[in-house]
Structures are given as C-alpha cells and as structure tokens.
Amino acid sequence: MIVRKGRPHFTDAEVMRLTCFATNTQHTPIAVLKLRPRQRTRAEDRIRAARATGRRRILRLAKHWPFADVFTEALGSLTALPNPG
C-alpha cells in the first residue's frame, strides 16, 4: 500500500489530506507506481471536461451559409491534428 500526504487543493484548512492505493506490482519503482493513479485522474478530467463543453455534440451548419464548406474543412483539419496531451 502506498500512502501520500498532501495539502487539500481547494480549501484553506490546516489539515493534511491522505490518499492511498494498494498494488501487487513487483519490481517497479515507487515513482512509477505513484504516477499511475495521477494519469488516470487526468484522463478522467479530460473526458469530464469534453462532455461538459459539448464536444461530443454534432455541429449543424446551414447549407446556404456562405462559409459552411470553409468551416467544415477547417474543423476536419483540426480533428486530423495529433493530440498534444
């Protein structure tokens, strides 16, 4: 079991926060083991933010709008870019 002690993020309380996790992984440095839950948390935060901002919704453009094709092409180019994170 690995236990971390740290200050709470969004409070002025003078208490310390303990977070812990159990693992049966052997022959792995503790720094690597501590990184795993943080990576998962970051991924979950990104998914939550994408859902909250409506990223999964389909964009609807009027066909008669003069810039619809330019806008659609630009969105396609952005989607094709690699993920920076």
C-alpha atoms as a PDB file:
ATOM      1  CA  MET A   1       0.000   0.000   0.000  1.00  0.00           C
ATOM      2  CA  ILE A   2       1.296   3.431  -0.910  1.00  0.00           C
ATOM      3  CA  VAL A   3       0.107   6.461   1.079  1.00  0.00           C
ATOM      4  CA  ARG A   4       0.661  10.095   0.119  1.00  0.00           C
ATOM      5  CA  LYS A   5       0.214  13.066   2.409  1.00  0.00           C
ATOM      6  CA  GLY A   6      -0.549  16.492   0.964  1.00  0.00           C
ATOM      7  CA  ARG A   7      -2.498  19.668   1.363  1.00  0.00           C
ATOM      8  CA  PRO A   8      -6.107  19.767   0.125  1.00  0.00           C
ATOM      9  CA  HIS A   9      -6.430  21.630  -3.161  1.00  0.00           C
ATOM     10  CA  PHE A  10      -9.476  23.849  -2.694  1.00  0.00           C
ATOM     11  CA  THR A  11      -9.551  24.723   0.959  1.00  0.00           C
ATOM     12  CA  ASP A  12      -7.733  26.862   3.492  1.00  0.00           C
ATOM     13  CA  ALA A  13      -7.985  24.199   6.181  1.00  0.00           C
ATOM     14  CA  GLU A  14      -4.881  23.426   8.162  1.00  0.00           C
ATOM     15  CA  VAL A  15      -5.394  19.686   7.773  1.00  0.00           C
ATOM     16  CA  MET A  16      -3.476  17.306   5.571  1.00  0.00           C
ATOM     17  CA  ARG A  17      -5.124  15.022   3.030  1.00  0.00           C
ATOM     18  CA  LEU A  18      -4.101  11.365   2.819  1.00  0.00           C
ATOM     19  CA  THR A  19      -4.513   9.431  -0.414  1.00  0.00           C
ATOM     20  CA  CYS A  20      -3.616   5.793  -0.723  1.00  0.00           C
ATOM     21  CA  PHE A  21      -3.730   2.895  -3.119  1.00  0.00           C
ATOM     22  CA  ALA A  22      -2.859  -0.766  -2.999  1.00  0.00           C
ATOM     23  CA  THR A  23      -0.914  -2.640  -5.651  1.00  0.00           C
ATOM     24  CA  ASN A  24       0.560  -6.066  -6.134  1.00  0.00           C
ATOM     25  CA  THR A  25       3.027  -4.902  -8.803  1.00  0.00           C
ATOM     26  CA  GLN A  26       6.538  -6.085  -8.071  1.00  0.00           C
ATOM     27  CA  HIS A  27       9.954  -4.787  -9.100  1.00  0.00           C
ATOM     28  CA  THR A  28       8.647  -1.370 -10.134  1.00  0.00           C
ATOM     29  CA  PRO A  29       9.994   1.915  -8.725  1.00  0.00           C
ATOM     30  CA  ILE A  30       7.640   3.705  -6.333  1.00  0.00           C
ATOM     31  CA  ALA A  31       7.723   6.840  -8.510  1.00  0.00           C
ATOM     32  CA  VAL A  32       6.215   4.869 -11.409  1.00  0.00           C
ATOM     33  CA  LEU A  33       3.549   3.368  -9.164  1.00  0.00           C
ATOM     34  CA  LYS A  34       2.607   6.816  -7.813  1.00  0.00           C
ATOM     35  CA  LEU A  35       2.235   8.122 -11.347  1.00  0.00           C
ATOM     36  CA  ARG A  36      -0.427   5.603 -12.423  1.00  0.00           C
ATOM     37  CA  PRO A  37      -3.418   6.977 -10.458  1.00  0.00           C
ATOM     38  CA  ARG A  38      -2.497  10.540 -11.428  1.00  0.00           C
ATOM     39  CA  GLN A  39      -2.538   9.640 -15.120  1.00  0.00           C
ATOM     40  CA  ARG A  40      -5.926   8.010 -14.747  1.00  0.00           C
ATOM     41  CA  THR A  41      -7.273  11.060 -12.925  1.00  0.00           C
ATOM     42  CA  ARG A  42      -6.032  13.365 -15.692  1.00  0.00           C
ATOM     43  CA  ALA A  43      -7.694  11.219 -18.346  1.00  0.00           C
ATOM     44  CA  GLU A  44     -10.978  11.223 -16.415  1.00  0.00           C
ATOM     45  CA  ASP A  45     -10.761  15.018 -16.011  1.00  0.00           C
ATOM     46  CA  ARG A  46     -10.290  15.448 -19.774  1.00  0.00           C
ATOM     47  CA  ILE A  47     -13.289  13.235 -20.510  1.00  0.00           C
ATOM     48  CA  ARG A  48     -15.426  15.117 -17.987  1.00  0.00           C
ATOM     49  CA  ALA A  49     -14.398  18.483 -19.474  1.00  0.00           C
ATOM     50  CA  ALA A  50     -15.110  17.295 -23.027  1.00  0.00           C
ATOM     51  CA  ARG A  51     -18.592  16.173 -22.051  1.00  0.00           C
ATOM     52  CA  ALA A  52     -19.285  19.398 -20.142  1.00  0.00           C
ATOM     53  CA  THR A  53     -18.324  21.559 -23.110  1.00  0.00           C
ATOM     54  CA  GLY A  54     -20.451  19.610 -25.573  1.00  0.00           C
ATOM     55  CA  ARG A  55     -17.520  18.241 -27.520  1.00  0.00           C
ATOM     56  CA  ARG A  56     -19.486  15.099 -28.386  1.00  0.00           C
ATOM     57  CA  ARG A  57     -22.362  17.013 -29.993  1.00  0.00           C
ATOM     58  CA  ILE A  58     -22.659  17.246 -33.767  1.00  0.00           C
ATOM     59  CA  LEU A  59     -22.218  20.791 -35.187  1.00  0.00           C
ATOM     60  CA  ARG A  60     -25.061  21.825 -37.516  1.00  0.00           C
ATOM     61  CA  LEU A  61     -24.420  24.434 -40.193  1.00  0.00           C
ATOM     62  CA  ALA A  62     -27.000  25.786 -42.593  1.00  0.00           C
ATOM     63  CA  LYS A  63     -26.207  24.604 -46.122  1.00  0.00           C
ATOM     64  CA  HIS A  64     -26.903  28.050 -47.547  1.00  0.00           C
ATOM     65  CA  TRP A  65     -24.412  29.727 -45.192  1.00  0.00           C
ATOM     66  CA  PRO A  66     -21.618  31.072 -47.437  1.00  0.00           C
ATOM     67  CA  PHE A  67     -18.755  29.814 -45.251  1.00  0.00           C
ATOM     68  CA  ALA A  68     -20.137  26.370 -44.358  1.00  0.00           C
ATOM     69  CA  ASP A  69     -17.692  24.488 -46.592  1.00  0.00           C
ATOM     70  CA  VAL A  70     -14.681  26.512 -45.367  1.00  0.00           C
ATOM     71  CA  PHE A  71     -15.683  25.988 -41.746  1.00  0.00           C
ATOM     72  CA  THR A  72     -16.246  22.248 -42.253  1.00  0.00           C
ATOM     73  CA  GLU A  73     -12.856  21.883 -43.926  1.00  0.00           C
ATOM     74  CA  ALA A  74     -11.146  23.767 -41.069  1.00  0.00           C
ATOM     75  CA  LEU A  75     -12.795  21.525 -38.454  1.00  0.00           C
ATOM     76  CA  GLY A  76     -11.646  18.466 -40.398  1.00  0.00           C
ATOM     77  CA  SER A  77      -8.076  19.781 -40.404  1.00  0.00           C
ATOM     78  CA  LEU A  78      -8.192  20.404 -36.642  1.00  0.00           C
ATOM     79  CA  THR A  79      -9.555  16.942 -35.989  1.00  0.00           C
ATOM     80  CA  ALA A  80      -6.712  15.405 -38.002  1.00  0.00           C
ATOM     81  CA  LEU A  81      -4.056  17.035 -35.788  1.00  0.00           C
ATOM     82  CA  PRO A  82      -2.381  14.810 -33.169  1.00  0.00           C
ATOM     83  CA  ASN A  83      -3.468  15.190 -29.576  1.00  0.00           C
ATOM     84  CA  PRO A  84      -0.933  17.438 -27.748  1.00  0.00           C
ATOM     85  CA  GLY A  85      -1.563  15.822 -24.380  1.00  0.00           C
END
